[in-house]
PDB file of N, CA and C in Angstrom:
ATOM      1  N   UNK A   1      54.946  97.126  97.181  1.00  0.00           N
ATOM      2  CA  UNK A   1      55.308  98.309  96.406  1.00  0.00           C
ATOM      3  C   UNK A   1      55.675  99.477  97.310  1.00  0.00           C
ATOM      4  N   UNK A   2      55.044  99.572  98.464  1.00  0.00           N
ATOM      5  CA  UNK A   2      55.303 100.687  99.366  1.00  0.00           C
ATOM      6  C   UNK A   2      56.729 100.701  99.889  1.00  0.00           C
ATOM      7  N   UNK A   3      57.324  99.514  99.995  1.00  0.00           N
ATOM      8  CA  UNK A   3      58.700  99.435 100.493  1.00  0.00           C
ATOM      9  C   UNK A   3      59.670 100.109  99.542  1.00  0.00           C
ATOM     10  N   UNK A   4      59.437  99.994  98.231  1.00  0.00           N
ATOM     11  CA  UNK A   4      60.353 100.547  97.242  1.00  0.00           C
ATOM     12  C   UNK A   4      60.051 101.994  96.882  1.00  0.00           C
ATOM     13  N   UNK A   5      58.979 102.546  97.410  1.00  0.00           N
ATOM     14  CA  UNK A   5      58.621 103.926  97.115  1.00  0.00           C
ATOM     15  C   UNK A   5      59.699 104.854  97.677  1.00  0.00           C
ATOM     16  N   UNK A   6      60.148 105.774  96.868  1.00  0.00           N
ATOM     17  CA  UNK A   6      61.169 106.721  97.301  1.00  0.00           C
ATOM     18  C   UNK A   6      62.589 106.197  97.184  1.00  0.00           C
ATOM     19  N   UNK A   7      62.776 105.058  96.561  1.00  0.00           N
ATOM     20  CA  UNK A   7      64.113 104.475  96.450  1.00  0.00           C
ATOM     21  C   UNK A   7      64.858 104.927  95.200  1.00  0.00           C
ATOM     22  N   UNK A   8      64.177 105.558  94.250  1.00  0.00           N
ATOM     23  CA  UNK A   8      64.838 105.924  92.997  1.00  0.00           C
ATOM     24  C   UNK A   8      65.917 106.973  93.207  1.00  0.00           C
ATOM     25  N   UNK A   9      65.645 108.001  94.020  1.00  0.00           N
ATOM     26  CA  UNK A   9      66.663 109.031  94.239  1.00  0.00           C
ATOM     27  C   UNK A   9      67.888 108.486  94.975  1.00  0.00           C
ATOM     28  N   UNK A  10      67.733 107.737  96.075  1.00  0.00           N
ATOM     29  CA  UNK A  10      68.931 107.194  96.723  1.00  0.00           C
ATOM     30  C   UNK A  10      69.745 106.268  95.823  1.00  0.00           C
ATOM     31  N   UNK A  11      69.085 105.454  95.024  1.00  0.00           N
ATOM     32  CA  UNK A  11      69.821 104.555  94.129  1.00  0.00           C
ATOM     33  C   UNK A  11      70.559 105.340  93.048  1.00  0.00           C
ATOM     34  N   UNK A  12      69.924 106.356  92.512  1.00  0.00           N
ATOM     35  CA  UNK A  12      70.585 107.173  91.486  1.00  0.00           C
ATOM     36  C   UNK A  12      71.729 107.973  92.087  1.00  0.00           C
ATOM     37  N   UNK A  13      71.520 108.526  93.278  1.00  0.00           N
ATOM     38  CA  UNK A  13      72.560 109.360  93.880  1.00  0.00           C
ATOM     39  C   UNK A  13      73.761 108.528  94.318  1.00  0.00           C
ATOM     40  N   UNK A  14      73.547 107.311  94.818  1.00  0.00           N
ATOM     41  CA  UNK A  14      74.674 106.484  95.238  1.00  0.00           C
ATOM     42  C   UNK A  14      75.476 106.023  94.030  1.00  0.00           C
ATOM     43  N   UNK A  15      74.823 105.857  92.896  1.00  0.00           N
ATOM     44  CA  UNK A  15      75.536 105.495  91.668  1.00  0.00           C
ATOM     45  C   UNK A  15      76.462 106.619  91.238  1.00  0.00           C
ATOM     46  N   UNK A  16      75.955 107.827  91.241  1.00  0.00           N
ATOM     47  CA  UNK A  16      76.769 108.992  90.884  1.00  0.00           C
ATOM     48  C   UNK A  16      77.888 109.192  91.897  1.00  0.00           C
ATOM     49  N   UNK A  17      77.560 109.062  93.186  1.00  0.00           N
ATOM     50  CA  UNK A  17      78.546 109.219  94.253  1.00  0.00           C
ATOM     51  C   UNK A  17      79.693 108.216  94.095  1.00  0.00           C
ATOM     52  N   UNK A  18      79.360 106.947  93.849  1.00  0.00           N
ATOM     53  CA  UNK A  18      80.397 105.924  93.693  1.00  0.00           C
ATOM     54  C   UNK A  18      81.257 106.176  92.466  1.00  0.00           C
ATOM     55  N   UNK A  19      80.659 106.609  91.374  1.00  0.00           N
ATOM     56  CA  UNK A  19      81.452 106.882  90.173  1.00  0.00           C
ATOM     57  C   UNK A  19      82.406 108.043  90.397  1.00  0.00           C
ATOM     58  N   UNK A  20      81.974 109.063  91.128  1.00  0.00           N
ATOM     59  CA  UNK A  20      82.858 110.194  91.432  1.00  0.00           C
ATOM     60  C   UNK A  20      83.999 109.751  92.344  1.00  0.00           C
ATOM     61  N   UNK A  21      83.685 108.950  93.357  1.00  0.00           N
ATOM     62  CA  UNK A  21      84.714 108.498  94.304  1.00  0.00           C
ATOM     63  C   UNK A  21      85.756 107.620  93.603  1.00  0.00           C
ATOM     64  N   UNK A  22      85.316 106.664  92.796  1.00  0.00           N
ATOM     65  CA  UNK A  22      86.266 105.792  92.111  1.00  0.00           C
ATOM     66  C   UNK A  22      87.064 106.550  91.055  1.00  0.00           C
ATOM     67  N   UNK A  23      86.427 107.499  90.386  1.00  0.00           N
ATOM     68  CA  UNK A  23      87.155 108.338  89.433  1.00  0.00           C
ATOM     69  C   UNK A  23      88.211 109.175  90.110  1.00  0.00           C
ATOM     70  N   UNK A  24      87.875 109.732  91.280  1.00  0.00           N
ATOM     71  CA  UNK A  24      88.841 110.525  92.039  1.00  0.00           C
ATOM     72  C   UNK A  24      90.005 109.652  92.496  1.00  0.00           C
ATOM     73  N   UNK A  25      89.710 108.439  92.941  1.00  0.00           N
ATOM     74  CA  UNK A  25      90.761 107.522  93.385  1.00  0.00           C
ATOM     75  C   UNK A  25      91.722 107.200  92.244  1.00  0.00           C
ATOM     76  N   UNK A  26      91.172 106.916  91.088  1.00  0.00           N
ATOM     77  CA  UNK A  26      92.008 106.607  89.924  1.00  0.00           C
ATOM     78  C   UNK A  26      92.886 107.799  89.539  1.00  0.00           C
ATOM     79  N   UNK A  27      92.303 108.975  89.525  1.00  0.00           N
ATOM     80  CA  UNK A  27      93.078 110.178  89.196  1.00  0.00           C
ATOM     81  C   UNK A  27      94.126 110.488  90.261  1.00  0.00           C
ATOM     82  N   UNK A  28      93.800 110.248  91.532  1.00  0.00           N
ATOM     83  CA  UNK A  28      94.770 110.462  92.605  1.00  0.00           C
ATOM     84  C   UNK A  28      95.947 109.506  92.471  1.00  0.00           C
ATOM     85  N   UNK A  29      95.659 108.242  92.151  1.00  0.00           N
ATOM     86  CA  UNK A  29      96.737 107.277  91.926  1.00  0.00           C
ATOM     87  C   UNK A  29      97.638 107.729  90.782  1.00  0.00           C
ATOM     88  N   UNK A  30      97.032 108.147  89.703  1.00  0.00           N
ATOM     89  CA  UNK A  30      97.800 108.575  88.532  1.00  0.00           C
ATOM     90  C   UNK A  30      98.642 109.807  88.855  1.00  0.00           C
ATOM     91  N   UNK A  31      98.072 110.762  89.572  1.00  0.00           N
ATOM     92  CA  UNK A  31      98.790 111.984  89.928  1.00  0.00           C
ATOM     93  C   UNK A  31      99.962 111.685  90.861  1.00  0.00           C
ATOM     94  N   UNK A  32      99.749 110.841  91.849  1.00  0.00           N
ATOM     95  CA  UNK A  32     100.823 110.486  92.788  1.00  0.00           C
ATOM     96  C   UNK A  32     101.929 109.727  92.058  1.00  0.00           C
ATOM     97  N   UNK A  33     101.553 108.794  91.204  1.00  0.00           N
ATOM     98  CA  UNK A  33     102.543 108.020  90.447  1.00  0.00           C
ATOM     99  C   UNK A  33     103.346 108.931  89.520  1.00  0.00           C
ATOM    100  N   UNK A  34     102.665 109.870  88.885  1.00  0.00           N
ATOM    101  CA  UNK A  34     103.351 110.802  88.000  1.00  0.00           C
ATOM    102  C   UNK A  34     104.298 111.712  88.788  1.00  0.00           C
ATOM    103  N   UNK A  35     103.883 112.126  89.965  1.00  0.00           N
ATOM    104  CA  UNK A  35     104.711 112.997  90.797  1.00  0.00           C
ATOM    105  C   UNK A  35     105.938 112.258  91.340  1.00  0.00           C
ATOM    106  N   UNK A  36     105.736 111.021  91.783  1.00  0.00           N
ATOM    107  CA  UNK A  36     106.837 110.267  92.403  1.00  0.00           C
ATOM    108  C   UNK A  36     107.755 109.609  91.386  1.00  0.00           C
ATOM    109  N   UNK A  37     107.193 109.107  90.280  1.00  0.00           N
ATOM    110  CA  UNK A  37     107.981 108.313  89.344  1.00  0.00           C
ATOM    111  C   UNK A  37     108.156 108.965  87.976  1.00  0.00           C
ATOM    112  N   UNK A  38     107.449 110.059  87.741  1.00  0.00           N
ATOM    113  CA  UNK A  38     107.554 110.734  86.456  1.00  0.00           C
ATOM    114  C   UNK A  38     106.706 110.108  85.365  1.00  0.00           C
ATOM    115  N   UNK A  39     105.974 109.049  85.690  1.00  0.00           N
ATOM    116  CA  UNK A  39     105.121 108.377  84.718  1.00  0.00           C
ATOM    117  C   UNK A  39     103.807 108.007  85.395  1.00  0.00           C
ATOM    118  N   UNK A  40     102.687 108.442  84.823  1.00  0.00           N
ATOM    119  CA  UNK A  40     101.381 108.169  85.407  1.00  0.00           C
ATOM    120  C   UNK A  40     100.954 106.726  85.313  1.00  0.00           C
ATOM    121  N   UNK A  41     101.612 105.934  84.472  1.00  0.00           N
ATOM    122  CA  UNK A  41     101.239 104.525  84.299  1.00  0.00           C
ATOM    123  C   UNK A  41     102.130 103.585  85.111  1.00  0.00           C
ATOM    124  N   UNK A  42     103.037 104.132  85.899  1.00  0.00           N
ATOM    125  CA  UNK A  42     103.917 103.308  86.739  1.00  0.00           C
ATOM    126  C   UNK A  42     103.071 102.628  87.822  1.00  0.00           C
ATOM    127  N   UNK A  43     103.309 101.335  88.098  1.00  0.00           N
ATOM    128  CA  UNK A  43     102.533 100.660  89.144  1.00  0.00           C
ATOM    129  C   UNK A  43     102.728 101.329  90.506  1.00  0.00           C
ATOM    130  N   UNK A  44     101.643 101.464  91.241  1.00  0.00           N
ATOM    131  CA  UNK A  44     101.685 102.117  92.544  1.00  0.00           C
ATOM    132  C   UNK A  44     102.127 101.134  93.617  1.00  0.00           C
ATOM    133  N   UNK A  45     102.920 101.650  94.553  1.00  0.00           N
ATOM    134  CA  UNK A  45     103.305 100.866  95.718  1.00  0.00           C
ATOM    135  C   UNK A  45     102.268 101.043  96.816  1.00  0.00           C
ATOM    136  N   UNK A  46     102.496 100.399  97.943  1.00  0.00           N
ATOM    137  CA  UNK A  46     101.555 100.478  99.065  1.00  0.00           C
ATOM    138  C   UNK A  46     101.429 101.898  99.599  1.00  0.00           C
ATOM    139  N   UNK A  47     102.535 102.624  99.683  1.00  0.00           N
ATOM    140  CA  UNK A  47     102.482 104.005 100.184  1.00  0.00           C
ATOM    141  C   UNK A  47     101.672 104.889  99.234  1.00  0.00           C
ATOM    142  N   UNK A  48     101.817 104.660  97.933  1.00  0.00           N
ATOM    143  CA  UNK A  48     101.053 105.426  96.953  1.00  0.00           C
ATOM    144  C   UNK A  48      99.557 105.123  97.073  1.00  0.00           C
ATOM    145  N   UNK A  49      99.225 103.850  97.242  1.00  0.00           N
ATOM    146  CA  UNK A  49      97.819 103.464  97.399  1.00  0.00           C
ATOM    147  C   UNK A  49      97.226 104.035  98.683  1.00  0.00           C
ATOM    148  N   UNK A  50      98.026 104.026  99.752  1.00  0.00           N
ATOM    149  CA  UNK A  50      97.544 104.583 101.021  1.00  0.00           C
ATOM    150  C   UNK A  50      97.287 106.083 100.883  1.00  0.00           C
ATOM    151  N   UNK A  51      98.191 106.795 100.221  1.00  0.00           N
ATOM    152  CA  UNK A  51      98.012 108.240 100.042  1.00  0.00           C
ATOM    153  C   UNK A  51      96.794 108.525  99.163  1.00  0.00           C
ATOM    154  N   UNK A  52      96.615 107.775  98.084  1.00  0.00           N
ATOM    155  CA  UNK A  52      95.450 107.962  97.214  1.00  0.00           C
ATOM    156  C   UNK A  52      94.160 107.633  97.966  1.00  0.00           C
ATOM    157  N   UNK A  53      94.195 106.621  98.819  1.00  0.00           N
ATOM    158  CA  UNK A  53      93.017 106.251  99.600  1.00  0.00           C
ATOM    159  C   UNK A  53      92.665 107.327 100.617  1.00  0.00           C
ATOM    160  N   UNK A  54      93.676 107.906 101.261  1.00  0.00           N
ATOM    161  CA  UNK A  54      93.412 108.975 102.224  1.00  0.00           C
ATOM    162  C   UNK A  54      92.819 110.210 101.551  1.00  0.00           C
ATOM    163  N   UNK A  55      93.367 110.578 100.409  1.00  0.00           N
ATOM    164  CA  UNK A  55      92.825 111.723  99.677  1.00  0.00           C
ATOM    165  C   UNK A  55      91.388 111.456  99.232  1.00  0.00           C
ATOM    166  N   UNK A  56      91.141 110.236  98.780  1.00  0.00           N
ATOM    167  CA  UNK A  56      89.792 109.870  98.354  1.00  0.00           C
ATOM    168  C   UNK A  56      88.836 109.872  99.534  1.00  0.00           C
ATOM    169  N   UNK A  57      89.287 109.419 100.686  1.00  0.00           N
ATOM    170  CA  UNK A  57      88.444 109.438 101.887  1.00  0.00           C
ATOM    171  C   UNK A  57      88.070 110.847 102.290  1.00  0.00           C
ATOM    172  N   UNK A  58      89.030 111.760 102.222  1.00  0.00           N
ATOM    173  CA  UNK A  58      88.730 113.161 102.546  1.00  0.00           C
ATOM    174  C   UNK A  58      87.697 113.738 101.580  1.00  0.00           C
ATOM    175  N   UNK A  59      87.872 113.455 100.306  1.00  0.00           N
ATOM    176  CA  UNK A  59      86.923 113.950  99.312  1.00  0.00           C
ATOM    177  C   UNK A  59      85.560 113.306  99.521  1.00  0.00           C
ATOM    178  N   UNK A  60      85.535 112.031  99.847  1.00  0.00           N
ATOM    179  CA  UNK A  60      84.291 111.308 100.050  1.00  0.00           C
ATOM    180  C   UNK A  60      83.497 111.872 101.225  1.00  0.00           C
ATOM    181  N   UNK A  61      84.178 112.162 102.312  1.00  0.00           N
ATOM    182  CA  UNK A  61      83.513 112.749 103.478  1.00  0.00           C
ATOM    183  C   UNK A  61      82.990 114.144 103.149  1.00  0.00           C
ATOM    184  N   UNK A  62      83.807 114.917 102.448  1.00  0.00           N
ATOM    185  CA  UNK A  62      83.383 116.262 102.081  1.00  0.00           C
ATOM    186  C   UNK A  62      82.195 116.273 101.147  1.00  0.00           C
ATOM    187  N   UNK A  63      82.086 115.262 100.304  1.00  0.00           N
ATOM    188  CA  UNK A  63      80.981 115.174  99.359  1.00  0.00           C
ATOM    189  C   UNK A  63      79.752 114.512  99.985  1.00  0.00           C
ATOM    190  N   UNK A  64      79.961 113.495 100.800  1.00  0.00           N
ATOM    191  CA  UNK A  64      78.844 112.722 101.342  1.00  0.00           C
ATOM    192  C   UNK A  64      78.163 113.328 102.546  1.00  0.00           C
ATOM    193  N   UNK A  65      78.891 114.067 103.370  1.00  0.00           N
ATOM    194  CA  UNK A  65      78.319 114.608 104.601  1.00  0.00           C
ATOM    195  C   UNK A  65      77.166 115.578 104.346  1.00  0.00           C
ATOM    196  N   UNK A  66      77.316 116.568 103.464  1.00  0.00           N
ATOM    197  CA  UNK A  66      76.176 117.470 103.237  1.00  0.00           C
ATOM    198  C   UNK A  66      74.955 116.754 102.661  1.00  0.00           C
ATOM    199  N   UNK A  67      75.169 115.774 101.799  1.00  0.00           N
ATOM    200  CA  UNK A  67      74.048 115.027 101.216  1.00  0.00           C
ATOM    201  C   UNK A  67      73.333 114.246 102.312  1.00  0.00           C
ATOM    202  N   UNK A  68      74.077 113.577 103.181  1.00  0.00           N
ATOM    203  CA  UNK A  68      73.462 112.821 104.272  1.00  0.00           C
ATOM    204  C   UNK A  68      72.746 113.743 105.252  1.00  0.00           C
ATOM    205  N   UNK A  69      73.287 114.908 105.509  1.00  0.00           N
ATOM    206  CA  UNK A  69      72.642 115.860 106.407  1.00  0.00           C
ATOM    207  C   UNK A  69      71.295 116.300 105.858  1.00  0.00           C
ATOM    208  N   UNK A  70      71.237 116.570 104.568  1.00  0.00           N
ATOM    209  CA  UNK A  70      69.965 116.960 103.946  1.00  0.00           C
ATOM    210  C   UNK A  70      68.971 115.808 104.018  1.00  0.00           C
ATOM    211  N   UNK A  71      69.424 114.572 103.735  1.00  0.00           N
ATOM    212  CA  UNK A  71      68.520 113.422 103.789  1.00  0.00           C
ATOM    213  C   UNK A  71      67.965 113.221 105.198  1.00  0.00           C
ATOM    214  N   UNK A  72      68.816 113.366 106.214  1.00  0.00           N
ATOM    215  CA  UNK A  72      68.364 113.181 107.594  1.00  0.00           C
ATOM    216  C   UNK A  72      67.366 114.260 107.980  1.00  0.00           C
ATOM    217  N   UNK A  73      67.639 115.503 107.601  1.00  0.00           N
ATOM    218  CA  UNK A  73      66.694 116.587 107.925  1.00  0.00           C
ATOM    219  C   UNK A  73      65.349 116.379 107.230  1.00  0.00           C
ATOM    220  N   UNK A  74      65.370 115.920 105.993  1.00  0.00           N
ATOM    221  CA  UNK A  74      64.110 115.652 105.299  1.00  0.00           C
ATOM    222  C   UNK A  74      63.356 114.503 105.953  1.00  0.00           C
ATOM    223  N   UNK A  75      64.079 113.469 106.407  1.00  0.00           N
ATOM    224  CA  UNK A  75      63.428 112.356 107.086  1.00  0.00           C
ATOM    225  C   UNK A  75      62.794 112.815 108.395  1.00  0.00           C
ATOM    226  N   UNK A  76      63.507 113.643 109.148  1.00  0.00           N
ATOM    227  CA  UNK A  76      62.965 114.149 110.415  1.00  0.00           C
ATOM    228  C   UNK A  76      61.757 115.041 110.169  1.00  0.00           C
ATOM    229  N   UNK A  77      61.819 115.848 109.122  1.00  0.00           N
ATOM    230  CA  UNK A  77      60.704 116.723 108.790  1.00  0.00           C
ATOM    231  C   UNK A  77      59.470 115.888 108.433  1.00  0.00           C
ATOM    232  N   UNK A  78      59.661 114.827 107.678  1.00  0.00           N
ATOM    233  CA  UNK A  78      58.558 113.941 107.307  1.00  0.00           C
ATOM    234  C   UNK A  78      57.996 113.252 108.541  1.00  0.00           C
ATOM    235  N   UNK A  79      58.867 112.817 109.447  1.00  0.00           N
ATOM    236  CA  UNK A  79      58.400 112.148 110.658  1.00  0.00           C
ATOM    237  C   UNK A  79      57.609 113.102 111.539  1.00  0.00           C
ATOM    238  N   UNK A  80      58.009 114.378 111.598  1.00  0.00           N
ATOM    239  CA  UNK A  80      57.281 115.359 112.398  1.00  0.00           C
ATOM    240  C   UNK A  80      55.898 115.613 111.803  1.00  0.00           C
ATOM    241  N   UNK A  81      55.804 115.682 110.494  1.00  0.00           N
ATOM    242  CA  UNK A  81      54.513 115.881 109.834  1.00  0.00           C
ATOM    243  C   UNK A  81      53.606 114.693 110.094  1.00  0.00           C
ATOM    244  N   UNK A  82      54.150 113.485 110.003  1.00  0.00           N
ATOM    245  CA  UNK A  82      53.343 112.290 110.273  1.00  0.00           C
ATOM    246  C   UNK A  82      52.921 112.240 111.736  1.00  0.00           C
ATOM    247  N   UNK A  83      53.769 112.673 112.657  1.00  0.00           N
ATOM    248  CA  UNK A  83      53.414 112.692 114.074  1.00  0.00           C
ATOM    249  C   UNK A  83      52.303 113.707 114.333  1.00  0.00           C
ATOM    250  N   UNK A  84      52.336 114.848 113.639  1.00  0.00           N
ATOM    251  CA  UNK A  84      51.283 115.844 113.798  1.00  0.00           C
ATOM    252  C   UNK A  84      49.938 115.330 113.292  1.00  0.00           C
ATOM    253  N   UNK A  85      49.978 114.591 112.180  1.00  0.00           N
ATOM    254  CA  UNK A  85      48.749 114.034 111.605  1.00  0.00           C
ATOM    255  C   UNK A  85      48.176 112.970 112.537  1.00  0.00           C
ATOM    256  N   UNK A  86      49.033 112.128 113.104  1.00  0.00           N
ATOM    257  CA  UNK A  86      48.586 111.084 114.014  1.00  0.00           C
ATOM    258  C   UNK A  86      48.066 111.666 115.320  1.00  0.00           C
ATOM    259  N   UNK A  87      48.633 112.797 115.756  1.00  0.00           N
ATOM    260  CA  UNK A  87      48.254 113.408 117.027  1.00  0.00           C
ATOM    261  C   UNK A  87      46.926 114.125 116.986  1.00  0.00           C
ATOM    262  N   UNK A  88      46.432 114.445 115.810  1.00  0.00           N
ATOM    263  CA  UNK A  88      45.164 115.191 115.708  1.00  0.00           C
ATOM    264  C   UNK A  88      43.965 114.331 115.884  1.00  0.00           C
TER     265      UNK A  88
END
């Protein structure tokens, strides 16, 4: 049971993160297709997919980096507290 303790927040947050990323990718594809072809339902070519993927990657990094930074700082803070307790 101890292994799974604290796993609820990461599992919930990664679910939300993935849904936002895939939603952004879908909207980026639709926007690029509408801009290039005049119809949002037109099938995307490789260049369109590459552009949508790059935009999604930029958004993903911008969204994921601050969350990961907070998680790492909290982990380090917890490790320092545990080291202080062990050192006494």
